[in-house]
Amino acid sequence: MEPLHVNSALLSHQTIPTLQENMDRAALKEKTDAFEAIIVKMLLDNAMKDDRDLFSAQNDPGDAIYKSMYRDELSKVSAGSFGFSEMLFDHLSAKI
């Protein structure tokens, strides 16, 4: 199994959340959810990197863009439900 590497193209269009001192809990939760969305996007990109499609003989030119946008939105919607965000929130809220 290959280790996951941070893709520079992934980081170029997504901003990594930063923390400020005296941040309120709602803002901290929003930041940890955003961080979890980045992790989930990397996992989805790795899991769905197979370009073979069951229903078409060849891929359309915009197919890769559409699939990337789909995975990006899927990661944003599901952020906060995998547990990474909650674990990070608990750890950081004790420090801030």
C-alpha atoms as a PDB file:
ATOM      1  CA  MET A   1       0.000   0.000   0.000  1.00  0.00           C
ATOM      2  CA  GLU A   2       1.398   3.380  -1.029  1.00  0.00           C
ATOM      3  CA  PRO A   3       1.567   6.218   1.511  1.00  0.00           C
ATOM      4  CA  LEU A   4      -0.619   9.242   0.841  1.00  0.00           C
ATOM      5  CA  HIS A   5       1.287  12.288  -0.339  1.00  0.00           C
ATOM      6  CA  VAL A   6      -0.044  15.832  -0.288  1.00  0.00           C
ATOM      7  CA  ASN A   7      -0.648  16.822  -3.874  1.00  0.00           C
ATOM      8  CA  SER A   8       0.516  20.356  -4.667  1.00  0.00           C
ATOM      9  CA  ALA A   9      -2.362  20.761  -7.150  1.00  0.00           C
ATOM     10  CA  LEU A  10      -4.811  19.910  -4.363  1.00  0.00           C
ATOM     11  CA  LEU A  11      -3.325  22.522  -2.069  1.00  0.00           C
ATOM     12  CA  SER A  12      -3.192  25.158  -4.791  1.00  0.00           C
ATOM     13  CA  HIS A  13      -6.989  25.500  -5.015  1.00  0.00           C
ATOM     14  CA  GLN A  14      -7.810  24.814  -1.366  1.00  0.00           C
ATOM     15  CA  THR A  15      -6.632  26.914   1.522  1.00  0.00           C
ATOM     16  CA  ILE A  16      -5.293  25.183   4.579  1.00  0.00           C
ATOM     17  CA  PRO A  17      -7.169  26.434   7.648  1.00  0.00           C
ATOM     18  CA  THR A  18      -5.178  28.515  10.124  1.00  0.00           C
ATOM     19  CA  LEU A  19      -5.884  29.142  13.793  1.00  0.00           C
ATOM     20  CA  GLN A  20      -5.821  32.423  15.674  1.00  0.00           C
ATOM     21  CA  GLU A  21      -5.511  32.882  19.412  1.00  0.00           C
ATOM     22  CA  ASN A  22      -8.784  33.542  21.295  1.00  0.00           C
ATOM     23  CA  MET A  23     -10.819  31.904  18.526  1.00  0.00           C
ATOM     24  CA  ASP A  24     -14.407  31.121  19.465  1.00  0.00           C
ATOM     25  CA  ARG A  25     -15.630  27.526  19.436  1.00  0.00           C
ATOM     26  CA  ALA A  26     -17.864  27.932  16.372  1.00  0.00           C
ATOM     27  CA  ALA A  27     -14.982  29.301  14.279  1.00  0.00           C
ATOM     28  CA  LEU A  28     -12.694  26.527  15.542  1.00  0.00           C
ATOM     29  CA  LYS A  29     -15.272  23.888  14.584  1.00  0.00           C
ATOM     30  CA  GLU A  30     -15.554  25.434  11.121  1.00  0.00           C
ATOM     31  CA  LYS A  31     -11.762  25.272  10.700  1.00  0.00           C
ATOM     32  CA  THR A  32     -11.519  21.657  11.861  1.00  0.00           C
ATOM     33  CA  ASP A  33     -14.347  20.681   9.485  1.00  0.00           C
ATOM     34  CA  ALA A  34     -12.475  22.395   6.646  1.00  0.00           C
ATOM     35  CA  PHE A  35      -9.341  20.448   7.539  1.00  0.00           C
ATOM     36  CA  GLU A  36     -11.305  17.203   7.584  1.00  0.00           C
ATOM     37  CA  ALA A  37     -12.717  18.071   4.145  1.00  0.00           C
ATOM     38  CA  ILE A  38      -9.147  18.270   2.801  1.00  0.00           C
ATOM     39  CA  ILE A  39      -8.298  14.871   4.304  1.00  0.00           C
ATOM     40  CA  VAL A  40     -11.471  13.286   2.917  1.00  0.00           C
ATOM     41  CA  LYS A  41     -10.793  14.813  -0.530  1.00  0.00           C
ATOM     42  CA  MET A  42      -7.311  13.264  -0.573  1.00  0.00           C
ATOM     43  CA  LEU A  43      -8.772   9.894   0.419  1.00  0.00           C
ATOM     44  CA  LEU A  44     -11.486  10.113  -2.243  1.00  0.00           C
ATOM     45  CA  ASP A  45      -8.974  11.132  -4.912  1.00  0.00           C
ATOM     46  CA  ASN A  46      -6.832   8.132  -4.046  1.00  0.00           C
ATOM     47  CA  ALA A  47      -9.754   5.716  -3.826  1.00  0.00           C
ATOM     48  CA  MET A  48     -11.403   6.880  -7.053  1.00  0.00           C
ATOM     49  CA  LYS A  49      -8.300   7.340  -9.199  1.00  0.00           C
ATOM     50  CA  ASP A  50      -9.273   4.484 -11.511  1.00  0.00           C
ATOM     51  CA  ASP A  51     -10.393   6.147 -14.745  1.00  0.00           C
ATOM     52  CA  ARG A  52     -12.263   3.179 -16.162  1.00  0.00           C
ATOM     53  CA  ASP A  53     -15.962   3.761 -16.561  1.00  0.00           C
ATOM     54  CA  LEU A  54     -18.478   0.952 -16.773  1.00  0.00           C
ATOM     55  CA  PHE A  55     -20.934   2.726 -19.050  1.00  0.00           C
ATOM     56  CA  SER A  56     -18.813   4.441 -21.686  1.00  0.00           C
ATOM     57  CA  ALA A  57     -16.106   3.236 -24.013  1.00  0.00           C
ATOM     58  CA  GLN A  58     -14.123   6.468 -23.794  1.00  0.00           C
ATOM     59  CA  ASN A  59     -14.045   9.357 -21.367  1.00  0.00           C
ATOM     60  CA  ASP A  60     -15.334  12.783 -22.307  1.00  0.00           C
ATOM     61  CA  PRO A  61     -12.802  15.652 -22.174  1.00  0.00           C
ATOM     62  CA  GLY A  62     -14.514  17.214 -19.154  1.00  0.00           C
ATOM     63  CA  ASP A  63     -14.919  13.910 -17.340  1.00  0.00           C
ATOM     64  CA  ALA A  64     -11.837  14.339 -15.114  1.00  0.00           C
ATOM     65  CA  ILE A  65     -12.885  17.873 -14.169  1.00  0.00           C
ATOM     66  CA  TYR A  66     -16.435  16.773 -13.364  1.00  0.00           C
ATOM     67  CA  LYS A  67     -15.203  13.861 -11.230  1.00  0.00           C
ATOM     68  CA  SER A  68     -12.780  16.137  -9.354  1.00  0.00           C
ATOM     69  CA  MET A  69     -15.542  18.669  -8.676  1.00  0.00           C
ATOM     70  CA  TYR A  70     -17.829  15.858  -7.522  1.00  0.00           C
ATOM     71  CA  ARG A  71     -15.223  14.538  -5.067  1.00  0.00           C
ATOM     72  CA  ASP A  72     -14.536  18.072  -3.821  1.00  0.00           C
ATOM     73  CA  GLU A  73     -18.200  18.733  -3.076  1.00  0.00           C
ATOM     74  CA  LEU A  74     -18.633  15.274  -1.571  1.00  0.00           C
ATOM     75  CA  SER A  75     -15.738  15.918   0.807  1.00  0.00           C
ATOM     76  CA  LYS A  76     -17.151  19.312   1.858  1.00  0.00           C
ATOM     77  CA  VAL A  77     -20.627  17.903   2.509  1.00  0.00           C
ATOM     78  CA  SER A  78     -19.346  14.927   4.491  1.00  0.00           C
ATOM     79  CA  ALA A  79     -16.801  16.910   6.531  1.00  0.00           C
ATOM     80  CA  GLY A  80     -17.441  16.579  10.233  1.00  0.00           C
ATOM     81  CA  SER A  81     -18.884  13.091  10.043  1.00  0.00           C
ATOM     82  CA  PHE A  82     -15.716  10.975   9.922  1.00  0.00           C
ATOM     83  CA  GLY A  83     -14.384  11.850  13.371  1.00  0.00           C
ATOM     84  CA  PHE A  84     -11.164  13.607  12.361  1.00  0.00           C
ATOM     85  CA  SER A  85     -12.754  16.990  12.899  1.00  0.00           C
ATOM     86  CA  GLU A  86     -14.170  16.116  16.314  1.00  0.00           C
ATOM     87  CA  MET A  87     -10.878  14.652  17.511  1.00  0.00           C
ATOM     88  CA  LEU A  88      -8.941  17.695  16.310  1.00  0.00           C
ATOM     89  CA  PHE A  89     -11.553  20.068  17.755  1.00  0.00           C
ATOM     90  CA  ASP A  90     -11.302  18.424  21.191  1.00  0.00           C
ATOM     91  CA  HIS A  91      -7.521  18.622  21.126  1.00  0.00           C
ATOM     92  CA  LEU A  92      -7.343  22.238  19.954  1.00  0.00           C
ATOM     93  CA  SER A  93     -10.164  23.566  22.117  1.00  0.00           C
ATOM     94  CA  ALA A  94      -8.202  22.482  25.181  1.00  0.00           C
ATOM     95  CA  LYS A  95      -5.212  24.489  23.950  1.00  0.00           C
ATOM     96  CA  ILE A  96      -7.021  27.696  22.917  1.00  0.00           C
END
